[in-house]
Amino acid sequence: MTPGRDPHRVVAWRGVVPAFLTTTVGMLPGFLIAGFAVQIRAELDLSLSGLGLMIGLFFGTAALVSPSMGRLSERVGWAAGLLIASGFTAVSLAGVGWIAGSTPELAVFYIVGGIGSALSQICLLY
């Protein structure tokens, strides 16, 4: 061991960096709908209140499934939880970008994104 180098500090960063990155990416679906509001409204014929409903659906789903995502994170561990959260987020972002052609499809992918966001927030706590 070299002087001045704390091995516990190095190990801590191996968990902190992936947790923060996953949490940041997990929030993208909720914020990207606002960033692309003009394009989404034009393509899906969605009103401003409909866009607000989609954002509320994302964050509402995250709030509702947080307890069950906490239990999942405790059962599988934080590292596996981050991988699962990344998978949900990837499915959500890919679905919104490539598949969603109607408001119900968009809603489904925002629900999936909310689940991924909830799990990434829970894994950040461990």
N, C-alpha and C. Protein backbone atom coordinates (compact mmCIF):
# COMPACT_ATOMS: atom_id res chain seq x y z
N MET A 1 0.84 -1.18 0.00
CA MET A 1 0.00 0.00 0.00
C MET A 1 0.88 1.23 0.00
N THR A 2 0.60 2.15 -0.89
CA THR A 2 1.39 3.37 -0.97
C THR A 2 0.95 4.35 0.10
N PRO A 3 1.89 5.14 0.62
CA PRO A 3 1.52 6.11 1.64
C PRO A 3 0.57 7.17 1.09
N GLY A 4 -0.39 7.55 1.89
CA GLY A 4 -1.33 8.59 1.48
C GLY A 4 -2.48 8.09 0.62
N ARG A 5 -2.55 6.82 0.35
CA ARG A 5 -3.62 6.29 -0.49
C ARG A 5 -4.51 5.40 0.37
N ASP A 6 -5.77 5.79 0.49
CA ASP A 6 -6.72 5.06 1.31
C ASP A 6 -7.48 4.07 0.42
N PRO A 7 -7.35 2.76 0.66
CA PRO A 7 -8.02 1.78 -0.22
C PRO A 7 -9.54 1.84 -0.12
N HIS A 8 -10.08 2.26 1.02
CA HIS A 8 -11.53 2.35 1.16
C HIS A 8 -12.09 3.48 0.29
N ARG A 9 -11.35 4.52 0.12
CA ARG A 9 -11.80 5.64 -0.71
C ARG A 9 -11.90 5.22 -2.18
N VAL A 10 -10.94 4.46 -2.65
CA VAL A 10 -10.96 3.99 -4.04
C VAL A 10 -12.15 3.06 -4.26
N VAL A 11 -12.41 2.16 -3.34
CA VAL A 11 -13.52 1.23 -3.46
C VAL A 11 -14.86 1.97 -3.45
N ALA A 12 -14.97 3.01 -2.64
CA ALA A 12 -16.23 3.77 -2.57
C ALA A 12 -16.58 4.39 -3.92
N TRP A 13 -15.60 4.90 -4.64
CA TRP A 13 -15.88 5.52 -5.93
C TRP A 13 -16.36 4.52 -6.97
N ARG A 14 -16.02 3.26 -6.81
CA ARG A 14 -16.49 2.24 -7.75
C ARG A 14 -17.99 2.05 -7.67
N GLY A 15 -18.59 2.38 -6.56
CA GLY A 15 -20.04 2.30 -6.43
C GLY A 15 -20.73 3.63 -6.63
N VAL A 16 -20.06 4.72 -6.25
CA VAL A 16 -20.68 6.05 -6.32
C VAL A 16 -20.86 6.51 -7.76
N VAL A 17 -19.84 6.35 -8.57
CA VAL A 17 -19.92 6.84 -9.96
C VAL A 17 -21.02 6.14 -10.75
N PRO A 18 -21.11 4.80 -10.75
CA PRO A 18 -22.21 4.17 -11.48
C PRO A 18 -23.58 4.54 -10.93
N ALA A 19 -23.69 4.72 -9.62
CA ALA A 19 -24.98 5.09 -9.04
C ALA A 19 -25.41 6.48 -9.50
N PHE A 20 -24.51 7.43 -9.50
CA PHE A 20 -24.87 8.78 -9.96
C PHE A 20 -25.17 8.80 -11.46
N LEU A 21 -24.39 8.07 -12.25
CA LEU A 21 -24.65 8.04 -13.69
C LEU A 21 -25.99 7.39 -14.01
N THR A 22 -26.31 6.30 -13.31
CA THR A 22 -27.59 5.63 -13.55
C THR A 22 -28.75 6.51 -13.12
N THR A 23 -28.60 7.21 -12.01
CA THR A 23 -29.66 8.11 -11.56
C THR A 23 -29.85 9.25 -12.55
N THR A 24 -28.77 9.79 -13.07
CA THR A 24 -28.88 10.88 -14.05
C THR A 24 -29.57 10.40 -15.32
N VAL A 25 -29.17 9.25 -15.83
CA VAL A 25 -29.79 8.72 -17.04
C VAL A 25 -31.23 8.31 -16.77
N GLY A 26 -31.52 7.84 -15.57
CA GLY A 26 -32.88 7.43 -15.22
C GLY A 26 -33.87 8.58 -15.23
N MET A 27 -33.38 9.79 -15.06
CA MET A 27 -34.26 10.96 -15.08
C MET A 27 -34.48 11.51 -16.49
N LEU A 28 -33.71 11.05 -17.45
CA LEU A 28 -33.81 11.59 -18.82
C LEU A 28 -35.21 11.51 -19.42
N PRO A 29 -35.94 10.40 -19.32
CA PRO A 29 -37.26 10.39 -19.94
C PRO A 29 -38.18 11.49 -19.42
N GLY A 30 -38.11 11.77 -18.14
CA GLY A 30 -38.96 12.80 -17.56
C GLY A 30 -38.63 14.19 -18.05
N PHE A 31 -37.36 14.45 -18.28
CA PHE A 31 -36.95 15.79 -18.70
C PHE A 31 -36.91 15.95 -20.22
N LEU A 32 -36.69 14.87 -20.95
CA LEU A 32 -36.62 14.99 -22.41
C LEU A 32 -37.98 15.30 -23.04
N ILE A 33 -39.06 14.91 -22.38
CA ILE A 33 -40.37 15.21 -22.95
C ILE A 33 -40.60 16.72 -22.97
N ALA A 34 -40.08 17.41 -21.98
CA ALA A 34 -40.20 18.87 -21.97
C ALA A 34 -39.28 19.49 -23.03
N GLY A 35 -38.11 18.92 -23.20
CA GLY A 35 -37.17 19.44 -24.19
C GLY A 35 -37.64 19.26 -25.63
N PHE A 36 -38.37 18.19 -25.86
CA PHE A 36 -38.87 17.91 -27.21
C PHE A 36 -40.38 18.10 -27.31
N ALA A 37 -40.91 18.95 -26.49
CA ALA A 37 -42.36 19.14 -26.43
C ALA A 37 -42.95 19.56 -27.77
N VAL A 38 -42.27 20.43 -28.48
CA VAL A 38 -42.81 20.92 -29.76
C VAL A 38 -42.91 19.78 -30.77
N GLN A 39 -41.85 18.98 -30.86
CA GLN A 39 -41.86 17.88 -31.82
C GLN A 39 -42.87 16.80 -31.43
N ILE A 40 -42.94 16.49 -30.14
CA ILE A 40 -43.86 15.46 -29.69
C ILE A 40 -45.30 15.90 -29.88
N ARG A 41 -45.59 17.16 -29.57
CA ARG A 41 -46.96 17.66 -29.72
C ARG A 41 -47.39 17.61 -31.18
N ALA A 42 -46.49 17.99 -32.08
CA ALA A 42 -46.83 18.01 -33.50
C ALA A 42 -47.05 16.60 -34.04
N GLU A 43 -46.22 15.67 -33.63
CA GLU A 43 -46.30 14.32 -34.18
C GLU A 43 -47.46 13.52 -33.60
N LEU A 44 -47.71 13.65 -32.31
CA LEU A 44 -48.73 12.84 -31.66
C LEU A 44 -50.03 13.59 -31.42
N ASP A 45 -50.10 14.84 -31.88
CA ASP A 45 -51.29 15.68 -31.68
C ASP A 45 -51.68 15.69 -30.19
N LEU A 46 -50.72 16.07 -29.36
CA LEU A 46 -50.86 16.06 -27.91
C LEU A 46 -50.94 17.50 -27.42
N SER A 47 -51.87 17.79 -26.53
CA SER A 47 -51.99 19.14 -25.99
C SER A 47 -50.95 19.36 -24.89
N LEU A 48 -50.86 20.60 -24.43
CA LEU A 48 -49.95 20.90 -23.33
C LEU A 48 -50.34 20.16 -22.06
N SER A 49 -51.63 20.04 -21.83
CA SER A 49 -52.07 19.29 -20.65
C SER A 49 -51.76 17.80 -20.81
N GLY A 50 -51.80 17.30 -22.02
CA GLY A 50 -51.42 15.91 -22.27
C GLY A 50 -49.94 15.68 -22.00
N LEU A 51 -49.11 16.64 -22.38
CA LEU A 51 -47.69 16.53 -22.07
C LEU A 51 -47.46 16.58 -20.57
N GLY A 52 -48.20 17.45 -19.88
CA GLY A 52 -48.10 17.50 -18.43
C GLY A 52 -48.55 16.20 -17.79
N LEU A 53 -49.56 15.58 -18.38
CA LEU A 53 -50.02 14.29 -17.89
C LEU A 53 -48.94 13.22 -18.05
N MET A 54 -48.22 13.25 -19.16
CA MET A 54 -47.14 12.28 -19.38
C MET A 54 -46.03 12.48 -18.34
N ILE A 55 -45.67 13.72 -18.06
CA ILE A 55 -44.65 13.99 -17.05
C ILE A 55 -45.14 13.53 -15.68
N GLY A 56 -46.40 13.82 -15.38
CA GLY A 56 -46.98 13.36 -14.12
C GLY A 56 -47.04 11.85 -14.02
N LEU A 57 -47.30 11.20 -15.16
CA LEU A 57 -47.33 9.73 -15.19
C LEU A 57 -45.95 9.16 -14.88
N PHE A 58 -44.92 9.77 -15.43
CA PHE A 58 -43.55 9.34 -15.18
C PHE A 58 -43.21 9.44 -13.69
N PHE A 59 -43.39 10.63 -13.12
CA PHE A 59 -43.03 10.84 -11.73
C PHE A 59 -44.00 10.15 -10.76
N GLY A 60 -45.27 10.06 -11.13
CA GLY A 60 -46.24 9.35 -10.31
C GLY A 60 -45.94 7.86 -10.23
N THR A 61 -45.58 7.28 -11.36
CA THR A 61 -45.20 5.86 -11.38
C THR A 61 -43.97 5.64 -10.51
N ALA A 62 -42.99 6.53 -10.62
CA ALA A 62 -41.79 6.41 -9.80
C ALA A 62 -42.13 6.44 -8.32
N ALA A 63 -43.05 7.31 -7.94
CA ALA A 63 -43.44 7.40 -6.53
C ALA A 63 -44.20 6.16 -6.07
N LEU A 64 -45.07 5.65 -6.92
CA LEU A 64 -45.88 4.49 -6.54
C LEU A 64 -45.08 3.19 -6.42
N VAL A 65 -44.08 3.02 -7.29
CA VAL A 65 -43.35 1.75 -7.28
C VAL A 65 -42.08 1.80 -6.43
N SER A 66 -41.78 2.94 -5.83
CA SER A 66 -40.56 3.05 -5.02
C SER A 66 -40.48 2.01 -3.89
N PRO A 67 -41.55 1.76 -3.14
CA PRO A 67 -41.42 0.73 -2.10
C PRO A 67 -41.07 -0.66 -2.64
N SER A 68 -41.71 -1.05 -3.73
CA SER A 68 -41.41 -2.37 -4.29
C SER A 68 -40.02 -2.39 -4.93
N MET A 69 -39.58 -1.28 -5.50
CA MET A 69 -38.22 -1.21 -6.05
C MET A 69 -37.18 -1.26 -4.93
N GLY A 70 -37.51 -0.71 -3.77
CA GLY A 70 -36.61 -0.81 -2.62
C GLY A 70 -36.43 -2.25 -2.18
N ARG A 71 -37.53 -2.99 -2.15
CA ARG A 71 -37.43 -4.42 -1.79
C ARG A 71 -36.63 -5.19 -2.84
N LEU A 72 -36.84 -4.87 -4.11
CA LEU A 72 -36.08 -5.53 -5.17
C LEU A 72 -34.59 -5.23 -5.03
N SER A 73 -34.26 -3.98 -4.76
CA SER A 73 -32.87 -3.58 -4.61
C SER A 73 -32.21 -4.29 -3.42
N GLU A 74 -32.95 -4.45 -2.35
CA GLU A 74 -32.40 -5.18 -1.20
C GLU A 74 -32.19 -6.65 -1.52
N ARG A 75 -33.06 -7.22 -2.32
CA ARG A 75 -32.98 -8.64 -2.65
C ARG A 75 -31.84 -8.93 -3.62
N VAL A 76 -31.69 -8.12 -4.67
CA VAL A 76 -30.69 -8.43 -5.71
C VAL A 76 -29.37 -7.70 -5.50
N GLY A 77 -29.34 -6.68 -4.64
CA GLY A 77 -28.11 -5.92 -4.42
C GLY A 77 -28.09 -4.66 -5.27
N TRP A 78 -27.28 -3.71 -4.85
CA TRP A 78 -27.29 -2.42 -5.53
C TRP A 78 -26.73 -2.50 -6.95
N ALA A 79 -25.71 -3.33 -7.18
CA ALA A 79 -25.10 -3.40 -8.51
C ALA A 79 -26.08 -3.99 -9.53
N ALA A 80 -26.73 -5.08 -9.17
CA ALA A 80 -27.73 -5.67 -10.06
C ALA A 80 -28.92 -4.73 -10.22
N GLY A 81 -29.27 -4.03 -9.14
CA GLY A 81 -30.36 -3.05 -9.22
C GLY A 81 -30.07 -1.94 -10.22
N LEU A 82 -28.81 -1.49 -10.24
CA LEU A 82 -28.44 -0.45 -11.21
C LEU A 82 -28.53 -0.97 -12.64
N LEU A 83 -28.15 -2.22 -12.84
CA LEU A 83 -28.26 -2.81 -14.19
C LEU A 83 -29.72 -2.94 -14.62
N ILE A 84 -30.57 -3.36 -13.70
CA ILE A 84 -32.00 -3.49 -14.02
C ILE A 84 -32.60 -2.11 -14.29
N ALA A 85 -32.24 -1.12 -13.47
CA ALA A 85 -32.73 0.24 -13.69
C ALA A 85 -32.28 0.79 -15.03
N SER A 86 -31.04 0.51 -15.40
CA SER A 86 -30.54 0.95 -16.71
C SER A 86 -31.30 0.29 -17.85
N GLY A 87 -31.66 -0.97 -17.65
CA GLY A 87 -32.44 -1.67 -18.68
C GLY A 87 -33.82 -1.06 -18.86
N PHE A 88 -34.50 -0.76 -17.75
CA PHE A 88 -35.81 -0.11 -17.84
C PHE A 88 -35.69 1.25 -18.54
N THR A 89 -34.67 2.01 -18.17
CA THR A 89 -34.49 3.33 -18.77
C THR A 89 -34.18 3.21 -20.26
N ALA A 90 -33.35 2.25 -20.64
CA ALA A 90 -33.02 2.06 -22.05
C ALA A 90 -34.26 1.69 -22.86
N VAL A 91 -35.08 0.80 -22.31
CA VAL A 91 -36.33 0.42 -23.00
C VAL A 91 -37.24 1.63 -23.14
N SER A 92 -37.32 2.44 -22.11
CA SER A 92 -38.17 3.63 -22.15
C SER A 92 -37.69 4.62 -23.21
N LEU A 93 -36.41 4.92 -23.19
CA LEU A 93 -35.87 5.90 -24.14
C LEU A 93 -35.96 5.39 -25.58
N ALA A 94 -35.66 4.11 -25.79
CA ALA A 94 -35.75 3.55 -27.14
C ALA A 94 -37.20 3.50 -27.61
N GLY A 95 -38.10 3.16 -26.72
CA GLY A 95 -39.52 3.11 -27.09
C GLY A 95 -40.08 4.48 -27.42
N VAL A 96 -39.72 5.48 -26.63
CA VAL A 96 -40.20 6.84 -26.92
C VAL A 96 -39.62 7.34 -28.23
N GLY A 97 -38.35 7.02 -28.48
CA GLY A 97 -37.69 7.52 -29.69
C GLY A 97 -38.07 6.78 -30.95
N TRP A 98 -38.27 5.47 -30.87
CA TRP A 98 -38.45 4.69 -32.09
C TRP A 98 -39.82 4.07 -32.27
N ILE A 99 -40.52 3.78 -31.18
CA ILE A 99 -41.74 3.01 -31.31
C ILE A 99 -43.00 3.84 -31.12
N ALA A 100 -43.00 4.71 -30.10
CA ALA A 100 -44.22 5.42 -29.73
C ALA A 100 -44.75 6.26 -30.88
N GLY A 101 -45.93 5.89 -31.37
CA GLY A 101 -46.57 6.62 -32.45
C GLY A 101 -47.93 7.15 -32.05
N SER A 102 -48.31 6.88 -30.81
CA SER A 102 -49.60 7.35 -30.31
C SER A 102 -49.45 7.68 -28.82
N THR A 103 -50.44 8.36 -28.30
CA THR A 103 -50.40 8.76 -26.89
C THR A 103 -50.40 7.56 -25.94
N PRO A 104 -51.20 6.51 -26.15
CA PRO A 104 -51.12 5.36 -25.24
C PRO A 104 -49.76 4.67 -25.25
N GLU A 105 -49.14 4.56 -26.42
CA GLU A 105 -47.80 3.96 -26.49
C GLU A 105 -46.79 4.82 -25.73
N LEU A 106 -46.89 6.13 -25.88
CA LEU A 106 -46.02 7.05 -25.15
C LEU A 106 -46.21 6.88 -23.64
N ALA A 107 -47.46 6.74 -23.22
CA ALA A 107 -47.76 6.56 -21.80
C ALA A 107 -47.13 5.28 -21.26
N VAL A 108 -47.18 4.20 -22.03
CA VAL A 108 -46.60 2.94 -21.59
C VAL A 108 -45.09 3.09 -21.39
N PHE A 109 -44.43 3.75 -22.32
CA PHE A 109 -42.98 3.90 -22.21
C PHE A 109 -42.61 4.87 -21.09
N TYR A 110 -43.47 5.81 -20.76
CA TYR A 110 -43.19 6.69 -19.61
C TYR A 110 -43.42 5.96 -18.30
N ILE A 111 -44.32 5.01 -18.26
CA ILE A 111 -44.49 4.18 -17.07
C ILE A 111 -43.24 3.32 -16.87
N VAL A 112 -42.73 2.73 -17.94
CA VAL A 112 -41.51 1.94 -17.86
C VAL A 112 -40.34 2.81 -17.39
N GLY A 113 -40.27 4.03 -17.91
CA GLY A 113 -39.21 4.96 -17.49
C GLY A 113 -39.34 5.34 -16.03
N GLY A 114 -40.56 5.48 -15.54
CA GLY A 114 -40.77 5.78 -14.13
C GLY A 114 -40.30 4.65 -13.23
N ILE A 115 -40.50 3.43 -13.67
CA ILE A 115 -40.02 2.27 -12.90
C ILE A 115 -38.49 2.28 -12.83
N GLY A 116 -37.86 2.53 -13.97
CA GLY A 116 -36.39 2.60 -13.99
C GLY A 116 -35.86 3.74 -13.14
N SER A 117 -36.53 4.87 -13.18
CA SER A 117 -36.11 6.01 -12.37
C SER A 117 -36.23 5.71 -10.88
N ALA A 118 -37.32 5.08 -10.49
CA ALA A 118 -37.51 4.73 -9.08
C ALA A 118 -36.43 3.78 -8.60
N LEU A 119 -36.11 2.78 -9.39
CA LEU A 119 -35.09 1.82 -8.98
C LEU A 119 -33.72 2.46 -8.92
N SER A 120 -33.40 3.35 -9.85
CA SER A 120 -32.09 4.00 -9.81
C SER A 120 -31.97 4.92 -8.60
N GLN A 121 -33.06 5.57 -8.18
CA GLN A 121 -33.02 6.42 -7.00
C GLN A 121 -32.82 5.59 -5.74
N ILE A 122 -33.46 4.44 -5.66
CA ILE A 122 -33.32 3.56 -4.50
C ILE A 122 -31.91 3.02 -4.40
N CYS A 123 -31.33 2.63 -5.53
CA CYS A 123 -29.98 2.07 -5.52
C CYS A 123 -28.95 3.12 -5.10
N LEU A 124 -29.24 4.38 -5.32
CA LEU A 124 -28.35 5.45 -4.92
C LEU A 124 -28.24 5.53 -3.40
N LEU A 125 -29.27 5.09 -2.68
CA LEU A 125 -29.27 5.16 -1.23
C LEU A 125 -28.39 4.10 -0.59
N TYR A 126 -28.08 3.02 -1.29
CA TYR A 126 -27.32 1.92 -0.69
C TYR A 126 -25.85 2.08 -0.90
